Amino acid sequence: MNGNEGYAVFFFPQALEALGEAIKPYLVQVEGGEPHILCREIDTAGALIEMTLEGLAPDGKTVQIEVMIPGSMVKMIVSARSDGAIGFSPRTTVVGS
């Protein structure tokens, strides 16, 4: 799954409870939204979902972090793009069809 700006990975509430404190440093919480992980790359082949994140080391350098979570804990994966707004628009008729 490549070719975009990244992914937002949402978890079932029971998964967040089971993962506990170990998952909290990687979660993003927005007002009125559910906690999720923002990642650069994701690999969904296999029992574990492998997420590649960018983080900061204690010395301020950028590091890549790989987090692997059982696929059964993931509620939804959303592609995060910055090339336009997400929404609905009226359907248009295609000429020649």
PDB file of N, CA and C in Angstrom:
ATOM      1  N   MET A   1       0.842  -1.181   0.000  1.00  0.00           N
ATOM      2  CA  MET A   1       0.000   0.000   0.000  1.00  0.00           C
ATOM      3  C   MET A   1       0.885   1.240   0.000  1.00  0.00           C
ATOM      4  N   ASN A   2       1.220   1.743  -1.136  1.00  0.00           N
ATOM      5  CA  ASN A   2       2.035   2.946  -1.220  1.00  0.00           C
ATOM      6  C   ASN A   2       1.398   3.944  -2.167  1.00  0.00           C
ATOM      7  N   GLY A   3       2.057   5.096  -2.388  1.00  0.00           N
ATOM      8  CA  GLY A   3       1.575   6.078  -3.332  1.00  0.00           C
ATOM      9  C   GLY A   3       0.727   7.167  -2.727  1.00  0.00           C
ATOM     10  N   ASN A   4       0.841   7.392  -1.422  1.00  0.00           N
ATOM     11  CA  ASN A   4       0.096   8.472  -0.795  1.00  0.00           C
ATOM     12  C   ASN A   4       0.912   9.081   0.337  1.00  0.00           C
ATOM     13  N   GLU A   5       0.280   9.869   1.175  1.00  0.00           N
ATOM     14  CA  GLU A   5       0.971  10.557   2.262  1.00  0.00           C
ATOM     15  C   GLU A   5       1.059   9.723   3.538  1.00  0.00           C
ATOM     16  N   GLY A   6       0.346   8.622   3.603  1.00  0.00           N
ATOM     17  CA  GLY A   6       0.378   7.788   4.792  1.00  0.00           C
ATOM     18  C   GLY A   6      -0.984   7.214   5.119  1.00  0.00           C
ATOM     19  N   TYR A   7      -1.096   6.685   6.332  1.00  0.00           N
ATOM     20  CA  TYR A   7      -2.306   6.005   6.747  1.00  0.00           C
ATOM     21  C   TYR A   7      -2.641   6.349   8.187  1.00  0.00           C
ATOM     22  N   ALA A   8      -3.931   6.363   8.482  1.00  0.00           N
ATOM     23  CA  ALA A   8      -4.422   6.469   9.848  1.00  0.00           C
ATOM     24  C   ALA A   8      -5.001   5.100  10.193  1.00  0.00           C
ATOM     25  N   VAL A   9      -4.494   4.497  11.255  1.00  0.00           N
ATOM     26  CA  VAL A   9      -4.918   3.156  11.660  1.00  0.00           C
ATOM     27  C   VAL A   9      -5.727   3.279  12.949  1.00  0.00           C
ATOM     28  N   PHE A  10      -6.989   2.851  12.890  1.00  0.00           N
ATOM     29  CA  PHE A  10      -7.897   2.920  14.029  1.00  0.00           C
ATOM     30  C   PHE A  10      -8.064   1.526  14.631  1.00  0.00           C
ATOM     31  N   PHE A  11      -8.231   1.476  15.956  1.00  0.00           N
ATOM     32  CA  PHE A  11      -8.283   0.211  16.685  1.00  0.00           C
ATOM     33  C   PHE A  11      -9.614   0.030  17.393  1.00  0.00           C
ATOM     34  N   PHE A  12      -9.981  -1.235  17.622  1.00  0.00           N
ATOM     35  CA  PHE A  12     -11.136  -1.536  18.449  1.00  0.00           C
ATOM     36  C   PHE A  12     -10.829  -1.112  19.886  1.00  0.00           C
ATOM     37  N   PRO A  13     -11.837  -0.646  20.638  1.00  0.00           N
ATOM     38  CA  PRO A  13     -11.596  -0.228  22.026  1.00  0.00           C
ATOM     39  C   PRO A  13     -10.946  -1.327  22.877  1.00  0.00           C
ATOM     40  N   GLN A  14     -11.357  -2.580  22.666  1.00  0.00           N
ATOM     41  CA  GLN A  14     -10.784  -3.687  23.424  1.00  0.00           C
ATOM     42  C   GLN A  14      -9.299  -3.849  23.108  1.00  0.00           C
ATOM     43  N   ALA A  15      -8.908  -3.548  21.879  1.00  0.00           N
ATOM     44  CA  ALA A  15      -7.500  -3.648  21.483  1.00  0.00           C
ATOM     45  C   ALA A  15      -6.673  -2.605  22.218  1.00  0.00           C
ATOM     46  N   LEU A  16      -7.183  -1.370  22.291  1.00  0.00           N
ATOM     47  CA  LEU A  16      -6.459  -0.313  23.004  1.00  0.00           C
ATOM     48  C   LEU A  16      -6.315  -0.664  24.479  1.00  0.00           C
ATOM     49  N   GLU A  17      -7.367  -1.257  25.035  1.00  0.00           N
ATOM     50  CA  GLU A  17      -7.312  -1.673  26.438  1.00  0.00           C
ATOM     51  C   GLU A  17      -6.280  -2.783  26.632  1.00  0.00           C
ATOM     52  N   ALA A  18      -6.265  -3.758  25.728  1.00  0.00           N
ATOM     53  CA  ALA A  18      -5.322  -4.878  25.836  1.00  0.00           C
ATOM     54  C   ALA A  18      -3.877  -4.424  25.642  1.00  0.00           C
ATOM     55  N   LEU A  19      -3.648  -3.489  24.721  1.00  0.00           N
ATOM     56  CA  LEU A  19      -2.286  -3.003  24.465  1.00  0.00           C
ATOM     57  C   LEU A  19      -1.803  -2.061  25.563  1.00  0.00           C
ATOM     58  N   GLY A  20      -2.725  -1.410  26.239  1.00  0.00           N
ATOM     59  CA  GLY A  20      -2.409  -0.596  27.410  1.00  0.00           C
ATOM     60  C   GLY A  20      -1.404   0.517  27.173  1.00  0.00           C
ATOM     61  N   GLU A  21      -0.503   0.666  28.129  1.00  0.00           N
ATOM     62  CA  GLU A  21       0.497   1.739  28.102  1.00  0.00           C
ATOM     63  C   GLU A  21       1.479   1.605  26.947  1.00  0.00           C
ATOM     64  N   ALA A  22       1.693   0.396  26.460  1.00  0.00           N
ATOM     65  CA  ALA A  22       2.683   0.176  25.395  1.00  0.00           C
ATOM     66  C   ALA A  22       2.327   0.910  24.104  1.00  0.00           C
ATOM     67  N   ILE A  23       1.039   1.079  23.813  1.00  0.00           N
ATOM     68  CA  ILE A  23       0.619   1.704  22.553  1.00  0.00           C
ATOM     69  C   ILE A  23       0.462   3.219  22.676  1.00  0.00           C
ATOM     70  N   LYS A  24       0.302   3.732  23.880  1.00  0.00           N
ATOM     71  CA  LYS A  24      -0.016   5.150  24.083  1.00  0.00           C
ATOM     72  C   LYS A  24       0.974   6.134  23.470  1.00  0.00           C
ATOM     73  N   PRO A  25       2.284   5.891  23.495  1.00  0.00           N
ATOM     74  CA  PRO A  25       3.199   6.878  22.889  1.00  0.00           C
ATOM     75  C   PRO A  25       3.017   7.052  21.380  1.00  0.00           C
ATOM     76  N   TYR A  26       2.383   6.094  20.722  1.00  0.00           N
ATOM     77  CA  TYR A  26       2.225   6.139  19.271  1.00  0.00           C
ATOM     78  C   TYR A  26       0.865   6.670  18.831  1.00  0.00           C
ATOM     79  N   LEU A  27      -0.065   6.809  19.767  1.00  0.00           N
ATOM     80  CA  LEU A  27      -1.428   7.221  19.432  1.00  0.00           C
ATOM     81  C   LEU A  27      -1.549   8.726  19.249  1.00  0.00           C
ATOM     82  N   VAL A  28      -2.392   9.105  18.299  1.00  0.00           N
ATOM     83  CA  VAL A  28      -2.759  10.503  18.072  1.00  0.00           C
ATOM     84  C   VAL A  28      -4.209  10.632  18.511  1.00  0.00           C
ATOM     85  N   GLN A  29      -4.493  11.622  19.334  1.00  0.00           N
ATOM     86  CA  GLN A  29      -5.862  11.855  19.792  1.00  0.00           C
ATOM     87  C   GLN A  29      -6.283  13.253  19.368  1.00  0.00           C
ATOM     88  N   VAL A  30      -7.366  13.341  18.599  1.00  0.00           N
ATOM     89  CA  VAL A  30      -7.904  14.635  18.198  1.00  0.00           C
ATOM     90  C   VAL A  30      -9.243  14.835  18.886  1.00  0.00           C
ATOM     91  N   GLU A  31      -9.580  16.084  19.150  1.00  0.00           N
ATOM     92  CA  GLU A  31     -10.819  16.387  19.836  1.00  0.00           C
ATOM     93  C   GLU A  31     -12.011  15.870  19.034  1.00  0.00           C
ATOM     94  N   GLY A  32     -12.843  15.098  19.690  1.00  0.00           N
ATOM     95  CA  GLY A  32     -14.029  14.557  19.042  1.00  0.00           C
ATOM     96  C   GLY A  32     -13.772  13.347  18.161  1.00  0.00           C
ATOM     97  N   GLY A  33     -12.534  12.887  18.093  1.00  0.00           N
ATOM     98  CA  GLY A  33     -12.197  11.739  17.254  1.00  0.00           C
ATOM     99  C   GLY A  33     -11.673  10.580  18.070  1.00  0.00           C
ATOM    100  N   GLU A  34     -11.468   9.489  17.407  1.00  0.00           N
ATOM    101  CA  GLU A  34     -10.938   8.299  18.064  1.00  0.00           C
ATOM    102  C   GLU A  34      -9.419   8.293  18.003  1.00  0.00           C
ATOM    103  N   PRO A  35      -8.779   7.706  19.007  1.00  0.00           N
ATOM    104  CA  PRO A  35      -7.315   7.594  18.954  1.00  0.00           C
ATOM    105  C   PRO A  35      -6.893   6.698  17.795  1.00  0.00           C
ATOM    106  N   HIS A  36      -5.786   7.064  17.155  1.00  0.00           N
ATOM    107  CA  HIS A  36      -5.296   6.309  16.008  1.00  0.00           C
ATOM    108  C   HIS A  36      -3.792   6.498  15.881  1.00  0.00           C
ATOM    109  N   ILE A  37      -3.189   5.712  15.005  1.00  0.00           N
ATOM    110  CA  ILE A  37      -1.760   5.833  14.715  1.00  0.00           C
ATOM    111  C   ILE A  37      -1.623   6.354  13.292  1.00  0.00           C
ATOM    112  N   LEU A  38      -0.772   7.365  13.112  1.00  0.00           N
ATOM    113  CA  LEU A  38      -0.436   7.849  11.778  1.00  0.00           C
ATOM    114  C   LEU A  38       0.857   7.183  11.361  1.00  0.00           C
ATOM    115  N   CYS A  39       0.861   6.539  10.201  1.00  0.00           N
ATOM    116  CA  CYS A  39       2.071   5.859   9.750  1.00  0.00           C
ATOM    117  C   CYS A  39       2.356   6.171   8.292  1.00  0.00           C
ATOM    118  N   ARG A  40       3.628   6.056   7.927  1.00  0.00           N
ATOM    119  CA  ARG A  40       4.096   6.338   6.567  1.00  0.00           C
ATOM    120  C   ARG A  40       3.790   5.187   5.618  1.00  0.00           C
ATOM    121  N   GLU A  41       4.047   3.987   6.087  1.00  0.00           N
ATOM    122  CA  GLU A  41       3.840   2.785   5.276  1.00  0.00           C
ATOM    123  C   GLU A  41       3.122   1.757   6.120  1.00  0.00           C
ATOM    124  N   ILE A  42       2.467   0.833   5.427  1.00  0.00           N
ATOM    125  CA  ILE A  42       1.763  -0.229   6.132  1.00  0.00           C
ATOM    126  C   ILE A  42       1.825  -1.498   5.292  1.00  0.00           C
ATOM    127  N   ASP A  43       1.974  -2.629   5.968  1.00  0.00           N
ATOM    128  CA  ASP A  43       1.996  -3.928   5.294  1.00  0.00           C
ATOM    129  C   ASP A  43       0.940  -4.789   5.966  1.00  0.00           C
ATOM    130  N   THR A  44      -0.093  -5.150   5.210  1.00  0.00           N
ATOM    131  CA  THR A  44      -1.194  -5.928   5.772  1.00  0.00           C
ATOM    132  C   THR A  44      -1.122  -7.406   5.411  1.00  0.00           C
ATOM    133  N   ALA A  45      -0.027  -7.842   4.812  1.00  0.00           N
ATOM    134  CA  ALA A  45       0.130  -9.254   4.452  1.00  0.00           C
ATOM    135  C   ALA A  45       0.554 -10.028   5.693  1.00  0.00           C
ATOM    136  N   GLY A  46      -0.252 -10.961   6.101  1.00  0.00           N
ATOM    137  CA  GLY A  46       0.099 -11.771   7.259  1.00  0.00           C
ATOM    138  C   GLY A  46      -0.797 -11.489   8.450  1.00  0.00           C
ATOM    139  N   ALA A  47      -0.531 -12.183   9.539  1.00  0.00           N
ATOM    140  CA  ALA A  47      -1.341 -12.054  10.748  1.00  0.00           C
ATOM    141  C   ALA A  47      -1.103 -10.732  11.468  1.00  0.00           C
ATOM    142  N   LEU A  48       0.102 -10.174  11.301  1.00  0.00           N
ATOM    143  CA  LEU A  48       0.429  -8.901  11.938  1.00  0.00           C
ATOM    144  C   LEU A  48       0.401  -7.778  10.913  1.00  0.00           C
ATOM    145  N   ILE A  49      -0.138  -6.637  11.306  1.00  0.00           N
ATOM    146  CA  ILE A  49      -0.093  -5.442  10.468  1.00  0.00           C
ATOM    147  C   ILE A  49       1.152  -4.674  10.878  1.00  0.00           C
ATOM    148  N   GLU A  50       2.047  -4.473   9.911  1.00  0.00           N
ATOM    149  CA  GLU A  50       3.315  -3.795  10.181  1.00  0.00           C
ATOM    150  C   GLU A  50       3.195  -2.338   9.749  1.00  0.00           C
ATOM    151  N   MET A  51       3.396  -1.431  10.698  1.00  0.00           N
ATOM    152  CA  MET A  51       3.294  -0.002  10.436  1.00  0.00           C
ATOM    153  C   MET A  51       4.660   0.647  10.598  1.00  0.00           C
ATOM    154  N   THR A  52       5.045   1.485   9.644  1.00  0.00           N
ATOM    155  CA  THR A  52       6.293   2.235   9.724  1.00  0.00           C
ATOM    156  C   THR A  52       5.948   3.678  10.049  1.00  0.00           C
ATOM    157  N   LEU A  53       6.471   4.160  11.180  1.00  0.00           N
ATOM    158  CA  LEU A  53       6.205   5.507  11.660  1.00  0.00           C
ATOM    159  C   LEU A  53       7.494   6.309  11.673  1.00  0.00           C
ATOM    160  N   GLU A  54       7.361   7.618  11.668  1.00  0.00           N
ATOM    161  CA  GLU A  54       8.514   8.484  11.868  1.00  0.00           C
ATOM    162  C   GLU A  54       8.418   9.057  13.268  1.00  0.00           C
ATOM    163  N   GLY A  55       9.540   9.052  13.973  1.00  0.00           N
ATOM    164  CA  GLY A  55       9.567   9.578  15.322  1.00  0.00           C
ATOM    165  C   GLY A  55      10.827  10.380  15.561  1.00  0.00           C
ATOM    166  N   LEU A  56      10.932  10.919  16.762  1.00  0.00           N
ATOM    167  CA  LEU A  56      12.118  11.675  17.148  1.00  0.00           C
ATOM    168  C   LEU A  56      12.852  10.942  18.255  1.00  0.00           C
ATOM    169  N   ALA A  57      14.149  10.776  18.068  1.00  0.00           N
ATOM    170  CA  ALA A  57      15.004  10.184  19.095  1.00  0.00           C
ATOM    171  C   ALA A  57      15.252  11.244  20.170  1.00  0.00           C
ATOM    172  N   PRO A  58      15.718  10.834  21.355  1.00  0.00           N
ATOM    173  CA  PRO A  58      16.006  11.804  22.419  1.00  0.00           C
ATOM    174  C   PRO A  58      16.971  12.918  21.990  1.00  0.00           C
ATOM    175  N   ASP A  59      17.842  12.631  21.018  1.00  0.00           N
ATOM    176  CA  ASP A  59      18.787  13.656  20.555  1.00  0.00           C
ATOM    177  C   ASP A  59      18.190  14.551  19.468  1.00  0.00           C
ATOM    178  N   GLY A  60      16.894  14.346  19.127  1.00  0.00           N
ATOM    179  CA  GLY A  60      16.221  15.187  18.147  1.00  0.00           C
ATOM    180  C   GLY A  60      16.292  14.699  16.720  1.00  0.00           C
ATOM    181  N   LYS A  61      16.998  13.608  16.477  1.00  0.00           N
ATOM    182  CA  LYS A  61      17.103  13.069  15.118  1.00  0.00           C
ATOM    183  C   LYS A  61      15.836  12.290  14.762  1.00  0.00           C
ATOM    184  N   THR A  62      15.489  12.325  13.475  1.00  0.00           N
ATOM    185  CA  THR A  62      14.339  11.567  12.987  1.00  0.00           C
ATOM    186  C   THR A  62      14.714  10.097  12.863  1.00  0.00           C
ATOM    187  N   VAL A  63      13.842   9.235  13.364  1.00  0.00           N
ATOM    188  CA  VAL A  63      14.069   7.793  13.290  1.00  0.00           C
ATOM    189  C   VAL A  63      12.823   7.119  12.724  1.00  0.00           C
ATOM    190  N   GLN A  64      13.018   5.952  12.114  1.00  0.00           N
ATOM    191  CA  GLN A  64      11.895   5.141  11.661  1.00  0.00           C
ATOM    192  C   GLN A  64      11.601   4.097  12.724  1.00  0.00           C
ATOM    193  N   ILE A  65      10.333   3.950  13.025  1.00  0.00           N
ATOM    194  CA  ILE A  65       9.884   2.998  14.038  1.00  0.00           C
ATOM    195  C   ILE A  65       8.933   2.025  13.356  1.00  0.00           C
ATOM    196  N   GLU A  66       9.102   0.745  13.616  1.00  0.00           N
ATOM    197  CA  GLU A  66       8.175  -0.257  13.098  1.00  0.00           C
ATOM    198  C   GLU A  66       7.368  -0.819  14.257  1.00  0.00           C
ATOM    199  N   VAL A  67       6.060  -0.749  14.118  1.00  0.00           N
ATOM    200  CA  VAL A  67       5.142  -1.270  15.126  1.00  0.00           C
ATOM    201  C   VAL A  67       4.320  -2.355  14.453  1.00  0.00           C
ATOM    202  N   MET A  68       4.221  -3.516  15.096  1.00  0.00           N
ATOM    203  CA  MET A  68       3.435  -4.622  14.556  1.00  0.00           C
ATOM    204  C   MET A  68       2.301  -4.956  15.518  1.00  0.00           C
ATOM    205  N   ILE A  69       1.099  -5.007  14.979  1.00  0.00           N
ATOM    206  CA  ILE A  69      -0.111  -5.238  15.759  1.00  0.00           C
ATOM    207  C   ILE A  69      -0.887  -6.378  15.098  1.00  0.00           C
ATOM    208  N   PRO A  70      -1.496  -7.280  15.884  1.00  0.00           N
ATOM    209  CA  PRO A  70      -2.343  -8.307  15.274  1.00  0.00           C
ATOM    210  C   PRO A  70      -3.465  -7.668  14.449  1.00  0.00           C
ATOM    211  N   GLY A  71      -3.692  -8.187  13.262  1.00  0.00           N
ATOM    212  CA  GLY A  71      -4.709  -7.643  12.370  1.00  0.00           C
ATOM    213  C   GLY A  71      -6.101  -7.627  12.972  1.00  0.00           C
ATOM    214  N   SER A  72      -6.391  -8.544  13.876  1.00  0.00           N
ATOM    215  CA  SER A  72      -7.717  -8.611  14.491  1.00  0.00           C
ATOM    216  C   SER A  72      -7.998  -7.432  15.414  1.00  0.00           C
ATOM    217  N   MET A  73      -6.973  -6.662  15.768  1.00  0.00           N
ATOM    218  CA  MET A  73      -7.152  -5.500  16.640  1.00  0.00           C
ATOM    219  C   MET A  73      -7.504  -4.232  15.869  1.00  0.00           C
ATOM    220  N   VAL A  74      -7.333  -4.262  14.562  1.00  0.00           N
ATOM    221  CA  VAL A  74      -7.526  -3.063  13.743  1.00  0.00           C
ATOM    222  C   VAL A  74      -8.968  -2.966  13.265  1.00  0.00           C
ATOM    223  N   LYS A  75      -9.585  -1.832  13.543  1.00  0.00           N
ATOM    224  CA  LYS A  75     -10.958  -1.571  13.118  1.00  0.00           C
ATOM    225  C   LYS A  75     -11.006  -1.069  11.679  1.00  0.00           C
ATOM    226  N   MET A  76     -10.072  -0.156  11.339  1.00  0.00           N
ATOM    227  CA  MET A  76     -10.142   0.479  10.032  1.00  0.00           C
ATOM    228  C   MET A  76      -8.802   1.133   9.705  1.00  0.00           C
ATOM    229  N   ILE A  77      -8.450   1.140   8.417  1.00  0.00           N
ATOM    230  CA  ILE A  77      -7.260   1.836   7.928  1.00  0.00           C
ATOM    231  C   ILE A  77      -7.731   2.854   6.899  1.00  0.00           C
ATOM    232  N   VAL A  78      -7.322   4.110   7.086  1.00  0.00           N
ATOM    233  CA  VAL A  78      -7.735   5.191   6.196  1.00  0.00           C
ATOM    234  C   VAL A  78      -6.508   5.766   5.515  1.00  0.00           C
ATOM    235  N   SER A  79      -6.568   5.911   4.202  1.00  0.00           N
ATOM    236  CA  SER A  79      -5.489   6.538   3.451  1.00  0.00           C
ATOM    237  C   SER A  79      -5.527   8.039   3.718  1.00  0.00           C
ATOM    238  N   ALA A  80      -4.396   8.607   4.125  1.00  0.00           N
ATOM    239  CA  ALA A  80      -4.318  10.038   4.443  1.00  0.00           C
ATOM    240  C   ALA A  80      -3.611  10.758   3.312  1.00  0.00           C
ATOM    241  N   ARG A  81      -4.358  11.528   2.554  1.00  0.00           N
ATOM    242  CA  ARG A  81      -3.794  12.249   1.408  1.00  0.00           C
ATOM    243  C   ARG A  81      -3.875  13.747   1.649  1.00  0.00           C
ATOM    244  N   SER A  82      -2.971  14.472   1.019  1.00  0.00           N
ATOM    245  CA  SER A  82      -2.993  15.930   1.145  1.00  0.00           C
ATOM    246  C   SER A  82      -3.233  16.607  -0.200  1.00  0.00           C
ATOM    247  N   ASP A  83      -3.702  15.858  -1.186  1.00  0.00           N
ATOM    248  CA  ASP A  83      -3.865  16.423  -2.521  1.00  0.00           C
ATOM    249  C   ASP A  83      -5.260  16.961  -2.799  1.00  0.00           C
ATOM    250  N   GLY A  84      -6.108  17.045  -1.805  1.00  0.00           N
ATOM    251  CA  GLY A  84      -7.437  17.601  -2.020  1.00  0.00           C
ATOM    252  C   GLY A  84      -8.378  17.228  -0.895  1.00  0.00           C
ATOM    253  N   ALA A  85      -9.557  17.795  -0.946  1.00  0.00           N
ATOM    254  CA  ALA A  85     -10.543  17.544   0.094  1.00  0.00           C
ATOM    255  C   ALA A  85     -11.228  16.205  -0.147  1.00  0.00           C
ATOM    256  N   ILE A  86     -11.666  15.607   0.945  1.00  0.00           N
ATOM    257  CA  ILE A  86     -12.423  14.363   0.861  1.00  0.00           C
ATOM    258  C   ILE A  86     -13.891  14.731   1.015  1.00  0.00           C
ATOM    259  N   GLY A  87     -14.739  14.159   0.207  1.00  0.00           N
ATOM    260  CA  GLY A  87     -16.157  14.460   0.318  1.00  0.00           C
ATOM    261  C   GLY A  87     -16.925  13.922  -0.866  1.00  0.00           C
ATOM    262  N   PHE A  88     -18.118  14.428  -1.038  1.00  0.00           N
ATOM    263  CA  PHE A  88     -18.992  13.968  -2.107  1.00  0.00           C
ATOM    264  C   PHE A  88     -19.245  15.112  -3.074  1.00  0.00           C
ATOM    265  N   SER A  89     -19.454  14.778  -4.329  1.00  0.00           N
ATOM    266  CA  SER A  89     -19.795  15.780  -5.333  1.00  0.00           C
ATOM    267  C   SER A  89     -20.843  15.178  -6.254  1.00  0.00           C
ATOM    268  N   PRO A  90     -21.578  16.028  -6.960  1.00  0.00           N
ATOM    269  CA  PRO A  90     -22.599  15.493  -7.863  1.00  0.00           C
ATOM    270  C   PRO A  90     -21.972  14.667  -8.977  1.00  0.00           C
ATOM    271  N   ARG A  91     -22.675  13.636  -9.382  1.00  0.00           N
ATOM    272  CA  ARG A  91     -22.200  12.823 -10.503  1.00  0.00           C
ATOM    273  C   ARG A  91     -22.394  13.605 -11.795  1.00  0.00           C
ATOM    274  N   THR A  92     -21.457  13.439 -12.699  1.00  0.00           N
ATOM    275  CA  THR A  92     -21.578  14.090 -14.001  1.00  0.00           C
ATOM    276  C   THR A  92     -21.673  13.023 -15.074  1.00  0.00           C
ATOM    277  N   THR A  93     -22.325  13.352 -16.160  1.00  0.00           N
ATOM    278  CA  THR A  93     -22.468  12.424 -17.273  1.00  0.00           C
ATOM    279  C   THR A  93     -21.195  12.436 -18.099  1.00  0.00           C
ATOM    280  N   VAL A  94     -20.693  11.264 -18.418  1.00  0.00           N
ATOM    281  CA  VAL A  94     -19.499  11.144 -19.238  1.00  0.00           C
ATOM    282  C   VAL A  94     -19.925  11.166 -20.695  1.00  0.00           C
ATOM    283  N   VAL A  95     -19.329  12.050 -21.482  1.00  0.00           N
ATOM    284  CA  VAL A  95     -19.667  12.170 -22.897  1.00  0.00           C
ATOM    285  C   VAL A  95     -19.208  10.915 -23.627  1.00  0.00           C
ATOM    286  N   GLY A  96     -20.079  10.369 -24.449  1.00  0.00           N
ATOM    287  CA  GLY A  96     -19.727   9.203 -25.246  1.00  0.00           C
ATOM    288  C   GLY A  96     -20.052   7.882 -24.578  1.00  0.00           C
ATOM    289  N   SER A  97     -20.765   7.914 -23.440  1.00  0.00           N
ATOM    290  CA  SER A  97     -21.090   6.631 -22.821  1.00  0.00           C
ATOM    291  C   SER A  97     -22.549   6.322 -22.930  1.00  0.00           C
TER     292      SER A  97
END
